[in-house]
């Protein structure tokens, strides 16, 4: 990819004629799941806890505000399918909470009904 190449979502916006069609496109953004995968010291959350963003703007309830602050940096990357730096799975971002010894969370886009609420 050259310096002049820009990422484009290739959405044909000329086909959106009214607010309802815009809303339908917005629903296709999808949900985002966060799940705690490591815990290194005290935290109000437990290993395996999972929460769902209904969309990048609708933060889940009952999640530590410090963690949400860090996750905000990645919600749009996940929602739009931008690849993570994790070589094991480019669709999953592994993000450390701001506490130096705290927790590690995986953040991924939920791509289908079967994935919603899926437990590992």
PDB file of N, CA and C in Angstrom:
ATOM      1  N   UNK A   1       0.850  -1.171   0.000  1.00  0.00           N
ATOM      2  CA  UNK A   1       0.000   0.000   0.000  1.00  0.00           C
ATOM      3  C   UNK A   1       0.896   1.234   0.000  1.00  0.00           C
ATOM      4  N   UNK A   2       0.700   2.093  -0.965  1.00  0.00           N
ATOM      5  CA  UNK A   2       1.485   3.311  -1.055  1.00  0.00           C
ATOM      6  C   UNK A   2       0.971   4.374  -0.107  1.00  0.00           C
ATOM      7  N   UNK A   3       1.749   5.418   0.053  1.00  0.00           N
ATOM      8  CA  UNK A   3       1.373   6.502   0.964  1.00  0.00           C
ATOM      9  C   UNK A   3       0.072   7.182   0.546  1.00  0.00           C
ATOM     10  N   UNK A   4      -0.220   7.216  -0.769  1.00  0.00           N
ATOM     11  CA  UNK A   4      -1.429   7.881  -1.246  1.00  0.00           C
ATOM     12  C   UNK A   4      -2.668   7.018  -1.172  1.00  0.00           C
ATOM     13  N   UNK A   5      -2.511   5.720  -0.886  1.00  0.00           N
ATOM     14  CA  UNK A   5      -3.663   4.825  -0.817  1.00  0.00           C
ATOM     15  C   UNK A   5      -4.398   5.030   0.500  1.00  0.00           C
ATOM     16  N   UNK A   6      -5.672   5.299   0.409  1.00  0.00           N
ATOM     17  CA  UNK A   6      -6.475   5.520   1.597  1.00  0.00           C
ATOM     18  C   UNK A   6      -7.400   4.333   1.812  1.00  0.00           C
ATOM     19  N   UNK A   7      -7.641   4.003   3.064  1.00  0.00           N
ATOM     20  CA  UNK A   7      -8.591   2.943   3.390  1.00  0.00           C
ATOM     21  C   UNK A   7      -9.992   3.485   3.142  1.00  0.00           C
ATOM     22  N   UNK A   8     -10.806   2.699   2.482  1.00  0.00           N
ATOM     23  CA  UNK A   8     -12.173   3.090   2.177  1.00  0.00           C
ATOM     24  C   UNK A   8     -13.075   1.919   2.527  1.00  0.00           C
ATOM     25  N   UNK A   9     -14.195   2.193   3.168  1.00  0.00           N
ATOM     26  CA  UNK A   9     -15.124   1.132   3.552  1.00  0.00           C
ATOM     27  C   UNK A   9     -15.972   0.669   2.378  1.00  0.00           C
ATOM     28  N   UNK A  10     -15.853   1.346   1.240  1.00  0.00           N
ATOM     29  CA  UNK A  10     -16.601   0.987   0.031  1.00  0.00           C
ATOM     30  C   UNK A  10     -18.097   0.903   0.269  1.00  0.00           C
ATOM     31  N   UNK A  11     -18.626   1.835   1.020  1.00  0.00           N
ATOM     32  CA  UNK A  11     -20.066   1.916   1.252  1.00  0.00           C
ATOM     33  C   UNK A  11     -20.640   2.895   0.234  1.00  0.00           C
ATOM     34  N   UNK A  12     -21.607   2.441  -0.495  1.00  0.00           N
ATOM     35  CA  UNK A  12     -22.253   3.301  -1.481  1.00  0.00           C
ATOM     36  C   UNK A  12     -23.284   4.173  -0.763  1.00  0.00           C
ATOM     37  N   UNK A  13     -22.855   5.361  -0.346  1.00  0.00           N
ATOM     38  CA  UNK A  13     -23.733   6.241   0.416  1.00  0.00           C
ATOM     39  C   UNK A  13     -24.804   6.893  -0.465  1.00  0.00           C
ATOM     40  N   UNK A  14     -24.640   6.815  -1.764  1.00  0.00           N
ATOM     41  CA  UNK A  14     -25.656   7.398  -2.652  1.00  0.00           C
ATOM     42  C   UNK A  14     -26.966   6.619  -2.605  1.00  0.00           C
ATOM     43  N   UNK A  15     -26.909   5.389  -2.078  1.00  0.00           N
ATOM     44  CA  UNK A  15     -28.110   4.561  -1.985  1.00  0.00           C
ATOM     45  C   UNK A  15     -28.930   4.849  -0.723  1.00  0.00           C
ATOM     46  N   UNK A  16     -28.403   5.671   0.173  1.00  0.00           N
ATOM     47  CA  UNK A  16     -29.134   6.019   1.393  1.00  0.00           C
ATOM     48  C   UNK A  16     -30.037   7.206   1.072  1.00  0.00           C
ATOM     49  N   UNK A  17     -31.338   6.965   1.100  1.00  0.00           N
ATOM     50  CA  UNK A  17     -32.303   7.991   0.700  1.00  0.00           C
ATOM     51  C   UNK A  17     -33.013   8.652   1.869  1.00  0.00           C
ATOM     52  N   UNK A  18     -33.041   7.999   3.036  1.00  0.00           N
ATOM     53  CA  UNK A  18     -33.769   8.588   4.152  1.00  0.00           C
ATOM     54  C   UNK A  18     -33.179   8.090   5.474  1.00  0.00           C
ATOM     55  N   UNK A  19     -33.742   8.603   6.553  1.00  0.00           N
ATOM     56  CA  UNK A  19     -33.226   8.267   7.890  1.00  0.00           C
ATOM     57  C   UNK A  19     -33.358   6.771   8.190  1.00  0.00           C
ATOM     58  N   UNK A  20     -34.413   6.149   7.728  1.00  0.00           N
ATOM     59  CA  UNK A  20     -34.611   4.719   7.975  1.00  0.00           C
ATOM     60  C   UNK A  20     -33.498   3.898   7.318  1.00  0.00           C
ATOM     61  N   UNK A  21     -33.154   4.219   6.085  1.00  0.00           N
ATOM     62  CA  UNK A  21     -32.078   3.494   5.402  1.00  0.00           C
ATOM     63  C   UNK A  21     -30.730   3.750   6.075  1.00  0.00           C
ATOM     64  N   UNK A  22     -30.536   4.967   6.565  1.00  0.00           N
ATOM     65  CA  UNK A  22     -29.326   5.272   7.319  1.00  0.00           C
ATOM     66  C   UNK A  22     -29.269   4.411   8.582  1.00  0.00           C
ATOM     67  N   UNK A  23     -30.396   4.309   9.275  1.00  0.00           N
ATOM     68  CA  UNK A  23     -30.480   3.488  10.483  1.00  0.00           C
ATOM     69  C   UNK A  23     -30.186   2.022  10.197  1.00  0.00           C
ATOM     70  N   UNK A  24     -30.650   1.524   9.068  1.00  0.00           N
ATOM     71  CA  UNK A  24     -30.386   0.131   8.693  1.00  0.00           C
ATOM     72  C   UNK A  24     -28.897  -0.086   8.453  1.00  0.00           C
ATOM     73  N   UNK A  25     -28.255   0.866   7.808  1.00  0.00           N
ATOM     74  CA  UNK A  25     -26.809   0.764   7.601  1.00  0.00           C
ATOM     75  C   UNK A  25     -26.077   0.782   8.942  1.00  0.00           C
ATOM     76  N   UNK A  26     -26.500   1.666   9.841  1.00  0.00           N
ATOM     77  CA  UNK A  26     -25.871   1.784  11.159  1.00  0.00           C
ATOM     78  C   UNK A  26     -25.957   0.467  11.925  1.00  0.00           C
ATOM     79  N   UNK A  27     -27.092  -0.228  11.831  1.00  0.00           N
ATOM     80  CA  UNK A  27     -27.256  -1.505  12.538  1.00  0.00           C
ATOM     81  C   UNK A  27     -26.235  -2.534  12.079  1.00  0.00           C
ATOM     82  N   UNK A  28     -25.751  -2.407  10.856  1.00  0.00           N
ATOM     83  CA  UNK A  28     -24.780  -3.357  10.320  1.00  0.00           C
ATOM     84  C   UNK A  28     -23.384  -3.165  10.895  1.00  0.00           C
ATOM     85  N   UNK A  29     -23.172  -2.077  11.634  1.00  0.00           N
ATOM     86  CA  UNK A  29     -21.871  -1.861  12.281  1.00  0.00           C
ATOM     87  C   UNK A  29     -21.569  -3.047  13.199  1.00  0.00           C
ATOM     88  N   UNK A  30     -22.566  -3.532  13.894  1.00  0.00           N
ATOM     89  CA  UNK A  30     -22.394  -4.701  14.739  1.00  0.00           C
ATOM     90  C   UNK A  30     -22.025  -4.374  16.172  1.00  0.00           C
ATOM     91  N   UNK A  31     -22.073  -5.393  16.972  1.00  0.00           N
ATOM     92  CA  UNK A  31     -21.766  -5.279  18.397  1.00  0.00           C
ATOM     93  C   UNK A  31     -20.313  -5.669  18.643  1.00  0.00           C
ATOM     94  N   UNK A  32     -19.818  -5.272  19.810  1.00  0.00           N
ATOM     95  CA  UNK A  32     -18.443  -5.570  20.208  1.00  0.00           C
ATOM     96  C   UNK A  32     -18.480  -6.241  21.573  1.00  0.00           C
ATOM     97  N   UNK A  33     -17.743  -7.326  21.699  1.00  0.00           N
ATOM     98  CA  UNK A  33     -17.649  -8.008  22.985  1.00  0.00           C
ATOM     99  C   UNK A  33     -16.285  -7.759  23.605  1.00  0.00           C
ATOM    100  N   UNK A  34     -16.289  -7.519  24.920  1.00  0.00           N
ATOM    101  CA  UNK A  34     -15.043  -7.493  25.689  1.00  0.00           C
ATOM    102  C   UNK A  34     -15.121  -8.630  26.704  1.00  0.00           C
ATOM    103  N   UNK A  35     -13.992  -9.312  26.917  1.00  0.00           N
ATOM    104  CA  UNK A  35     -13.957 -10.449  27.840  1.00  0.00           C
ATOM    105  C   UNK A  35     -12.616 -10.448  28.571  1.00  0.00           C
ATOM    106  N   UNK A  36     -12.676 -10.559  29.914  1.00  0.00           N
ATOM    107  CA  UNK A  36     -11.441 -10.627  30.688  1.00  0.00           C
ATOM    108  C   UNK A  36     -10.790 -11.995  30.491  1.00  0.00           C
ATOM    109  N   UNK A  37      -9.502 -11.960  30.103  1.00  0.00           N
ATOM    110  CA  UNK A  37      -8.776 -13.210  29.865  1.00  0.00           C
ATOM    111  C   UNK A  37      -7.591 -13.403  30.816  1.00  0.00           C
ATOM    112  N   UNK A  38      -7.201 -12.338  31.515  1.00  0.00           N
ATOM    113  CA  UNK A  38      -6.129 -12.447  32.511  1.00  0.00           C
ATOM    114  C   UNK A  38      -6.441 -11.510  33.668  1.00  0.00           C
ATOM    115  N   UNK A  39      -6.097 -11.969  34.875  1.00  0.00           N
ATOM    116  CA  UNK A  39      -6.280 -11.138  36.069  1.00  0.00           C
ATOM    117  C   UNK A  39      -5.045 -11.305  36.934  1.00  0.00           C
ATOM    118  N   UNK A  40      -4.350 -10.181  37.226  1.00  0.00           N
ATOM    119  CA  UNK A  40      -3.076 -10.241  37.932  1.00  0.00           C
ATOM    120  C   UNK A  40      -3.126  -9.691  39.348  1.00  0.00           C
ATOM    121  N   UNK A  41      -4.182  -9.038  39.715  1.00  0.00           N
ATOM    122  CA  UNK A  41      -4.354  -8.560  41.089  1.00  0.00           C
ATOM    123  C   UNK A  41      -5.818  -8.223  41.299  1.00  0.00           C
ATOM    124  N   UNK A  42      -6.116  -7.532  42.391  1.00  0.00           N
ATOM    125  CA  UNK A  42      -7.513  -7.220  42.703  1.00  0.00           C
ATOM    126  C   UNK A  42      -8.174  -6.413  41.588  1.00  0.00           C
ATOM    127  N   UNK A  43      -9.423  -6.763  41.345  1.00  0.00           N
ATOM    128  CA  UNK A  43     -10.229  -6.065  40.341  1.00  0.00           C
ATOM    129  C   UNK A  43     -11.682  -6.401  40.639  1.00  0.00           C
ATOM    130  N   UNK A  44     -12.581  -5.459  40.380  1.00  0.00           N
ATOM    131  CA  UNK A  44     -13.996  -5.718  40.622  1.00  0.00           C
ATOM    132  C   UNK A  44     -14.565  -6.746  39.655  1.00  0.00           C
ATOM    133  N   UNK A  45     -13.861  -6.988  38.546  1.00  0.00           N
ATOM    134  CA  UNK A  45     -14.319  -7.959  37.551  1.00  0.00           C
ATOM    135  C   UNK A  45     -13.619  -9.299  37.774  1.00  0.00           C
ATOM    136  N   UNK A  46     -14.202 -10.344  37.211  1.00  0.00           N
ATOM    137  CA  UNK A  46     -13.657 -11.690  37.366  1.00  0.00           C
ATOM    138  C   UNK A  46     -13.234 -12.264  36.022  1.00  0.00           C
ATOM    139  N   UNK A  47     -12.296 -13.177  36.067  1.00  0.00           N
ATOM    140  CA  UNK A  47     -11.835 -13.864  34.869  1.00  0.00           C
ATOM    141  C   UNK A  47     -13.035 -14.454  34.131  1.00  0.00           C
ATOM    142  N   UNK A  48     -13.121 -14.189  32.846  1.00  0.00           N
ATOM    143  CA  UNK A  48     -14.233 -14.691  32.045  1.00  0.00           C
ATOM    144  C   UNK A  48     -15.411 -13.740  31.927  1.00  0.00           C
ATOM    145  N   UNK A  49     -15.434 -12.679  32.747  1.00  0.00           N
ATOM    146  CA  UNK A  49     -16.520 -11.694  32.624  1.00  0.00           C
ATOM    147  C   UNK A  49     -16.546 -11.149  31.203  1.00  0.00           C
ATOM    148  N   UNK A  50     -17.734 -10.998  30.659  1.00  0.00           N
ATOM    149  CA  UNK A  50     -17.893 -10.470  29.306  1.00  0.00           C
ATOM    150  C   UNK A  50     -19.001  -9.426  29.289  1.00  0.00           C
ATOM    151  N   UNK A  51     -18.806  -8.427  28.466  1.00  0.00           N
ATOM    152  CA  UNK A  51     -19.760  -7.331  28.308  1.00  0.00           C
ATOM    153  C   UNK A  51     -19.860  -7.010  26.826  1.00  0.00           C
ATOM    154  N   UNK A  52     -20.964  -6.366  26.426  1.00  0.00           N
ATOM    155  CA  UNK A  52     -21.194  -6.090  25.014  1.00  0.00           C
ATOM    156  C   UNK A  52     -21.487  -4.609  24.798  1.00  0.00           C
ATOM    157  N   UNK A  53     -20.780  -4.036  23.845  1.00  0.00           N
ATOM    158  CA  UNK A  53     -21.120  -2.714  23.317  1.00  0.00           C
ATOM    159  C   UNK A  53     -22.193  -2.958  22.260  1.00  0.00           C
ATOM    160  N   UNK A  54     -23.321  -2.292  22.358  1.00  0.00           N
ATOM    161  CA  UNK A  54     -24.365  -2.424  21.337  1.00  0.00           C
ATOM    162  C   UNK A  54     -23.891  -1.825  20.021  1.00  0.00           C
ATOM    163  N   UNK A  55     -23.092  -0.788  20.091  1.00  0.00           N
ATOM    164  CA  UNK A  55     -22.393  -0.183  18.960  1.00  0.00           C
ATOM    165  C   UNK A  55     -21.223   0.593  19.569  1.00  0.00           C
ATOM    166  N   UNK A  56     -20.329   1.150  18.770  1.00  0.00           N
ATOM    167  CA  UNK A  56     -19.149   1.811  19.346  1.00  0.00           C
ATOM    168  C   UNK A  56     -19.449   2.959  20.305  1.00  0.00           C
ATOM    169  N   UNK A  57     -20.644   3.532  20.238  1.00  0.00           N
ATOM    170  CA  UNK A  57     -20.994   4.637  21.129  1.00  0.00           C
ATOM    171  C   UNK A  57     -21.713   4.189  22.400  1.00  0.00           C
ATOM    172  N   UNK A  58     -22.304   3.009  22.403  1.00  0.00           N
ATOM    173  CA  UNK A  58     -23.086   2.545  23.561  1.00  0.00           C
ATOM    174  C   UNK A  58     -22.237   1.621  24.427  1.00  0.00           C
ATOM    175  N   UNK A  59     -21.605   2.224  25.421  1.00  0.00           N
ATOM    176  CA  UNK A  59     -20.730   1.471  26.314  1.00  0.00           C
ATOM    177  C   UNK A  59     -21.560   0.540  27.189  1.00  0.00           C
ATOM    178  N   UNK A  60     -20.994  -0.615  27.523  1.00  0.00           N
ATOM    179  CA  UNK A  60     -21.718  -1.526  28.416  1.00  0.00           C
ATOM    180  C   UNK A  60     -21.787  -0.974  29.837  1.00  0.00           C
ATOM    181  N   UNK A  61     -22.846  -1.323  30.530  1.00  0.00           N
ATOM    182  CA  UNK A  61     -23.008  -0.928  31.932  1.00  0.00           C
ATOM    183  C   UNK A  61     -22.121  -1.781  32.825  1.00  0.00           C
ATOM    184  N   UNK A  62     -21.829  -1.269  33.994  1.00  0.00           N
ATOM    185  CA  UNK A  62     -21.126  -2.001  35.058  1.00  0.00           C
ATOM    186  C   UNK A  62     -19.689  -2.375  34.728  1.00  0.00           C
ATOM    187  N   UNK A  63     -19.052  -1.610  33.852  1.00  0.00           N
ATOM    188  CA  UNK A  63     -17.638  -1.831  33.543  1.00  0.00           C
ATOM    189  C   UNK A  63     -16.843  -0.682  34.150  1.00  0.00           C
ATOM    190  N   UNK A  64     -15.721  -1.015  34.745  1.00  0.00           N
ATOM    191  CA  UNK A  64     -14.827  -0.035  35.365  1.00  0.00           C
ATOM    192  C   UNK A  64     -14.578   1.132  34.405  1.00  0.00           C
ATOM    193  N   UNK A  65     -14.736   2.361  34.900  1.00  0.00           N
ATOM    194  CA  UNK A  65     -14.582   3.529  34.028  1.00  0.00           C
ATOM    195  C   UNK A  65     -13.154   3.689  33.511  1.00  0.00           C
ATOM    196  N   UNK A  66     -12.172   3.291  34.297  1.00  0.00           N
ATOM    197  CA  UNK A  66     -10.780   3.376  33.830  1.00  0.00           C
ATOM    198  C   UNK A  66     -10.558   2.422  32.644  1.00  0.00           C
ATOM    199  N   UNK A  67     -11.125   1.235  32.719  1.00  0.00           N
ATOM    200  CA  UNK A  67     -11.014   0.287  31.603  1.00  0.00           C
ATOM    201  C   UNK A  67     -11.733   0.836  30.369  1.00  0.00           C
ATOM    202  N   UNK A  68     -12.938   1.372  30.552  1.00  0.00           N
ATOM    203  CA  UNK A  68     -13.682   1.922  29.417  1.00  0.00           C
ATOM    204  C   UNK A  68     -12.899   3.028  28.722  1.00  0.00           C
ATOM    205  N   UNK A  69     -12.176   3.812  29.497  1.00  0.00           N
ATOM    206  CA  UNK A  69     -11.368   4.889  28.921  1.00  0.00           C
ATOM    207  C   UNK A  69     -10.338   4.320  27.942  1.00  0.00           C
ATOM    208  N   UNK A  70      -9.678   3.239  28.314  1.00  0.00           N
ATOM    209  CA  UNK A  70      -8.689   2.606  27.439  1.00  0.00           C
ATOM    210  C   UNK A  70      -9.377   1.947  26.238  1.00  0.00           C
ATOM    211  N   UNK A  71     -10.470   1.260  26.483  1.00  0.00           N
ATOM    212  CA  UNK A  71     -11.177   0.572  25.394  1.00  0.00           C
ATOM    213  C   UNK A  71     -11.703   1.545  24.345  1.00  0.00           C
ATOM    214  N   UNK A  72     -12.041   2.769  24.763  1.00  0.00           N
ATOM    215  CA  UNK A  72     -12.528   3.775  23.817  1.00  0.00           C
ATOM    216  C   UNK A  72     -11.564   3.998  22.656  1.00  0.00           C
ATOM    217  N   UNK A  73     -10.285   3.784  22.891  1.00  0.00           N
ATOM    218  CA  UNK A  73      -9.290   3.972  21.838  1.00  0.00           C
ATOM    219  C   UNK A  73      -9.417   2.931  20.722  1.00  0.00           C
ATOM    220  N   UNK A  74     -10.118   1.828  21.004  1.00  0.00           N
ATOM    221  CA  UNK A  74     -10.151   0.706  20.063  1.00  0.00           C
ATOM    222  C   UNK A  74     -11.540   0.355  19.527  1.00  0.00           C
ATOM    223  N   UNK A  75     -12.597   0.946  20.058  1.00  0.00           N
ATOM    224  CA  UNK A  75     -13.944   0.520  19.648  1.00  0.00           C
ATOM    225  C   UNK A  75     -14.165   0.672  18.149  1.00  0.00           C
ATOM    226  N   UNK A  76     -13.759   1.779  17.571  1.00  0.00           N
ATOM    227  CA  UNK A  76     -13.987   1.957  16.130  1.00  0.00           C
ATOM    228  C   UNK A  76     -13.092   1.055  15.299  1.00  0.00           C
ATOM    229  N   UNK A  77     -11.882   0.778  15.760  1.00  0.00           N
ATOM    230  CA  UNK A  77     -11.006  -0.156  15.039  1.00  0.00           C
ATOM    231  C   UNK A  77     -11.675  -1.526  14.959  1.00  0.00           C
ATOM    232  N   UNK A  78     -12.208  -1.977  16.082  1.00  0.00           N
ATOM    233  CA  UNK A  78     -12.877  -3.278  16.128  1.00  0.00           C
ATOM    234  C   UNK A  78     -14.136  -3.256  15.271  1.00  0.00           C
ATOM    235  N   UNK A  79     -14.956  -2.233  15.430  1.00  0.00           N
ATOM    236  CA  UNK A  79     -16.227  -2.153  14.710  1.00  0.00           C
ATOM    237  C   UNK A  79     -16.031  -2.170  13.192  1.00  0.00           C
ATOM    238  N   UNK A  80     -14.972  -1.522  12.720  1.00  0.00           N
ATOM    239  CA  UNK A  80     -14.743  -1.430  11.282  1.00  0.00           C
ATOM    240  C   UNK A  80     -13.844  -2.537  10.737  1.00  0.00           C
ATOM    241  N   UNK A  81     -13.425  -3.445  11.616  1.00  0.00           N
ATOM    242  CA  UNK A  81     -12.635  -4.587  11.165  1.00  0.00           C
ATOM    243  C   UNK A  81     -11.174  -4.281  10.903  1.00  0.00           C
ATOM    244  N   UNK A  82     -10.652  -3.212  11.502  1.00  0.00           N
ATOM    245  CA  UNK A  82      -9.239  -2.895  11.333  1.00  0.00           C
ATOM    246  C   UNK A  82      -8.419  -3.964  12.047  1.00  0.00           C
ATOM    247  N   UNK A  83      -7.365  -4.490  11.424  1.00  0.00           N
ATOM    248  CA  UNK A  83      -6.620  -5.593  12.047  1.00  0.00           C
ATOM    249  C   UNK A  83      -5.865  -5.170  13.306  1.00  0.00           C
ATOM    250  N   UNK A  84      -5.858  -6.063  14.286  1.00  0.00           N
ATOM    251  CA  UNK A  84      -5.104  -5.806  15.518  1.00  0.00           C
ATOM    252  C   UNK A  84      -3.639  -6.177  15.292  1.00  0.00           C
ATOM    253  N   UNK A  85      -2.825  -5.887  16.273  1.00  0.00           N
ATOM    254  CA  UNK A  85      -1.409  -6.220  16.224  1.00  0.00           C
ATOM    255  C   UNK A  85      -1.132  -7.639  16.711  1.00  0.00           C
ATOM    256  N   UNK A  86      -2.169  -8.358  17.145  1.00  0.00           N
ATOM    257  CA  UNK A  86      -1.991  -9.716  17.660  1.00  0.00           C
ATOM    258  C   UNK A  86      -1.800 -10.682  16.505  1.00  0.00           C
ATOM    259  N   UNK A  87      -0.630 -11.260  16.407  1.00  0.00           N
ATOM    260  CA  UNK A  87      -0.340 -12.149  15.284  1.00  0.00           C
ATOM    261  C   UNK A  87      -1.164 -13.430  15.327  1.00  0.00           C
ATOM    262  N   UNK A  88      -1.637 -13.827  16.508  1.00  0.00           N
ATOM    263  CA  UNK A  88      -2.436 -15.044  16.620  1.00  0.00           C
ATOM    264  C   UNK A  88      -3.812 -14.919  15.994  1.00  0.00           C
ATOM    265  N   UNK A  89      -4.421 -13.755  16.136  1.00  0.00           N
ATOM    266  CA  UNK A  89      -5.756 -13.521  15.570  1.00  0.00           C
ATOM    267  C   UNK A  89      -5.910 -12.019  15.358  1.00  0.00           C
ATOM    268  N   UNK A  90      -5.825 -11.603  14.117  1.00  0.00           N
ATOM    269  CA  UNK A  90      -5.872 -10.176  13.781  1.00  0.00           C
ATOM    270  C   UNK A  90      -7.245  -9.544  14.025  1.00  0.00           C
ATOM    271  N   UNK A  91      -8.254 -10.348  14.364  1.00  0.00           N
ATOM    272  CA  UNK A  91      -9.587  -9.818  14.639  1.00  0.00           C
ATOM    273  C   UNK A  91      -9.812  -9.569  16.126  1.00  0.00           C
ATOM    274  N   UNK A  92      -8.830  -9.896  16.949  1.00  0.00           N
ATOM    275  CA  UNK A  92      -8.961  -9.750  18.403  1.00  0.00           C
ATOM    276  C   UNK A  92      -7.890  -8.798  18.916  1.00  0.00           C
ATOM    277  N   UNK A  93      -8.331  -7.774  19.642  1.00  0.00           N
ATOM    278  CA  UNK A  93      -7.402  -6.862  20.304  1.00  0.00           C
ATOM    279  C   UNK A  93      -7.274  -7.314  21.753  1.00  0.00           C
ATOM    280  N   UNK A  94      -6.035  -7.464  22.237  1.00  0.00           N
ATOM    281  CA  UNK A  94      -5.780  -7.780  23.647  1.00  0.00           C
ATOM    282  C   UNK A  94      -5.321  -6.486  24.298  1.00  0.00           C
ATOM    283  N   UNK A  95      -6.093  -6.024  25.270  1.00  0.00           N
ATOM    284  CA  UNK A  95      -5.873  -4.702  25.840  1.00  0.00           C
ATOM    285  C   UNK A  95      -5.740  -4.801  27.353  1.00  0.00           C
ATOM    286  N   UNK A  96      -4.699  -4.177  27.877  1.00  0.00           N
ATOM    287  CA  UNK A  96      -4.430  -4.169  29.314  1.00  0.00           C
ATOM    288  C   UNK A  96      -5.156  -2.992  29.940  1.00  0.00           C
ATOM    289  N   UNK A  97      -5.757  -3.234  31.096  1.00  0.00           N
ATOM    290  CA  UNK A  97      -6.389  -2.130  31.813  1.00  0.00           C
ATOM    291  C   UNK A  97      -5.288  -1.163  32.261  1.00  0.00           C
ATOM    292  N   UNK A  98      -5.634   0.052  32.663  1.00  0.00           N
ATOM    293  CA  UNK A  98      -4.598   1.033  33.012  1.00  0.00           C
ATOM    294  C   UNK A  98      -3.814   0.720  34.290  1.00  0.00           C
ATOM    295  N   UNK A  99      -4.307  -0.191  35.116  1.00  0.00           N
ATOM    296  CA  UNK A  99      -3.573  -0.578  36.322  1.00  0.00           C
ATOM    297  C   UNK A  99      -2.324  -1.348  35.894  1.00  0.00           C
ATOM    298  N   UNK A 100      -1.161  -1.019  36.436  1.00  0.00           N
ATOM    299  CA  UNK A 100       0.081  -1.678  36.003  1.00  0.00           C
ATOM    300  C   UNK A 100       0.082  -3.204  36.151  1.00  0.00           C
ATOM    301  N   UNK A 101      -0.669  -3.737  37.108  1.00  0.00           N
ATOM    302  CA  UNK A 101      -0.703  -5.187  37.308  1.00  0.00           C
ATOM    303  C   UNK A 101      -2.086  -5.762  37.040  1.00  0.00           C
ATOM    304  N   UNK A 102      -3.011  -4.963  36.638  1.00  0.00           N
ATOM    305  CA  UNK A 102      -4.421  -5.315  36.553  1.00  0.00           C
ATOM    306  C   UNK A 102      -4.837  -6.480  35.683  1.00  0.00           C
ATOM    307  N   UNK A 103      -5.624  -6.204  34.667  1.00  0.00           N
ATOM    308  CA  UNK A 103      -6.279  -7.243  33.886  1.00  0.00           C
ATOM    309  C   UNK A 103      -5.994  -7.064  32.395  1.00  0.00           C
ATOM    310  N   UNK A 104      -6.221  -8.149  31.650  1.00  0.00           N
ATOM    311  CA  UNK A 104      -6.115  -8.119  30.191  1.00  0.00           C
ATOM    312  C   UNK A 104      -7.472  -8.541  29.642  1.00  0.00           C
ATOM    313  N   UNK A 105      -7.923  -7.807  28.645  1.00  0.00           N
ATOM    314  CA  UNK A 105      -9.224  -8.043  28.032  1.00  0.00           C
ATOM    315  C   UNK A 105      -9.063  -8.295  26.545  1.00  0.00           C
ATOM    316  N   UNK A 106      -9.897  -9.157  26.014  1.00  0.00           N
ATOM    317  CA  UNK A 106      -9.977  -9.335  24.571  1.00  0.00           C
ATOM    318  C   UNK A 106     -11.196  -8.573  24.078  1.00  0.00           C
ATOM    319  N   UNK A 107     -11.019  -7.908  22.970  1.00  0.00           N
ATOM    320  CA  UNK A 107     -12.081  -7.103  22.375  1.00  0.00           C
ATOM    321  C   UNK A 107     -12.253  -7.576  20.939  1.00  0.00           C
ATOM    322  N   UNK A 108     -13.480  -7.966  20.591  1.00  0.00           N
ATOM    323  CA  UNK A 108     -13.735  -8.479  19.240  1.00  0.00           C
ATOM    324  C   UNK A 108     -15.119  -8.090  18.773  1.00  0.00           C
ATOM    325  N   UNK A 109     -15.272  -8.032  17.468  1.00  0.00           N
ATOM    326  CA  UNK A 109     -16.575  -7.741  16.872  1.00  0.00           C
ATOM    327  C   UNK A 109     -17.412  -9.011  16.901  1.00  0.00           C
ATOM    328  N   UNK A 110     -18.664  -8.874  17.263  1.00  0.00           N
ATOM    329  CA  UNK A 110     -19.592  -9.998  17.213  1.00  0.00           C
ATOM    330  C   UNK A 110     -20.181  -9.987  15.804  1.00  0.00           C
ATOM    331  N   UNK A 111     -19.906 -11.019  15.053  1.00  0.00           N
ATOM    332  CA  UNK A 111     -20.283 -11.013  13.641  1.00  0.00           C
ATOM    333  C   UNK A 111     -21.574 -11.746  13.345  1.00  0.00           C
ATOM    334  N   UNK A 112     -22.126 -12.442  14.307  1.00  0.00           N
ATOM    335  CA  UNK A 112     -23.366 -13.160  14.063  1.00  0.00           C
ATOM    336  C   UNK A 112     -24.112 -13.442  15.339  1.00  0.00           C
ATOM    337  N   UNK A 113     -25.337 -13.843  15.216  1.00  0.00           N
ATOM    338  CA  UNK A 113     -26.186 -14.126  16.369  1.00  0.00           C
ATOM    339  C   UNK A 113     -25.577 -15.225  17.234  1.00  0.00           C
ATOM    340  N   UNK A 114     -24.952 -16.218  16.608  1.00  0.00           N
ATOM    341  CA  UNK A 114     -24.386 -17.339  17.360  1.00  0.00           C
ATOM    342  C   UNK A 114     -23.256 -16.879  18.282  1.00  0.00           C
ATOM    343  N   UNK A 115     -22.565 -15.791  17.932  1.00  0.00           N
ATOM    344  CA  UNK A 115     -21.461 -15.318  18.746  1.00  0.00           C
ATOM    345  C   UNK A 115     -21.917 -14.498  19.939  1.00  0.00           C
ATOM    346  N   UNK A 116     -23.072 -13.907  19.881  1.00  0.00           N
ATOM    347  CA  UNK A 116     -23.566 -13.063  20.974  1.00  0.00           C
ATOM    348  C   UNK A 116     -23.743 -13.907  22.236  1.00  0.00           C
ATOM    349  N   UNK A 117     -23.035 -13.515  23.278  1.00  0.00           N
ATOM    350  CA  UNK A 117     -23.148 -14.222  24.540  1.00  0.00           C
ATOM    351  C   UNK A 117     -22.399 -15.550  24.585  1.00  0.00           C
ATOM    352  N   UNK A 118     -21.618 -15.836  23.565  1.00  0.00           N
ATOM    353  CA  UNK A 118     -20.856 -17.082  23.493  1.00  0.00           C
ATOM    354  C   UNK A 118     -19.831 -17.126  24.622  1.00  0.00           C
ATOM    355  N   UNK A 119     -19.730 -18.254  25.290  1.00  0.00           N
ATOM    356  CA  UNK A 119     -18.731 -18.389  26.347  1.00  0.00           C
ATOM    357  C   UNK A 119     -17.680 -19.393  25.907  1.00  0.00           C
ATOM    358  N   UNK A 120     -16.460 -19.131  26.286  1.00  0.00           N
ATOM    359  CA  UNK A 120     -15.346 -20.001  25.895  1.00  0.00           C
ATOM    360  C   UNK A 120     -15.059 -20.975  27.011  1.00  0.00           C
TER     361      UNK A 120
END
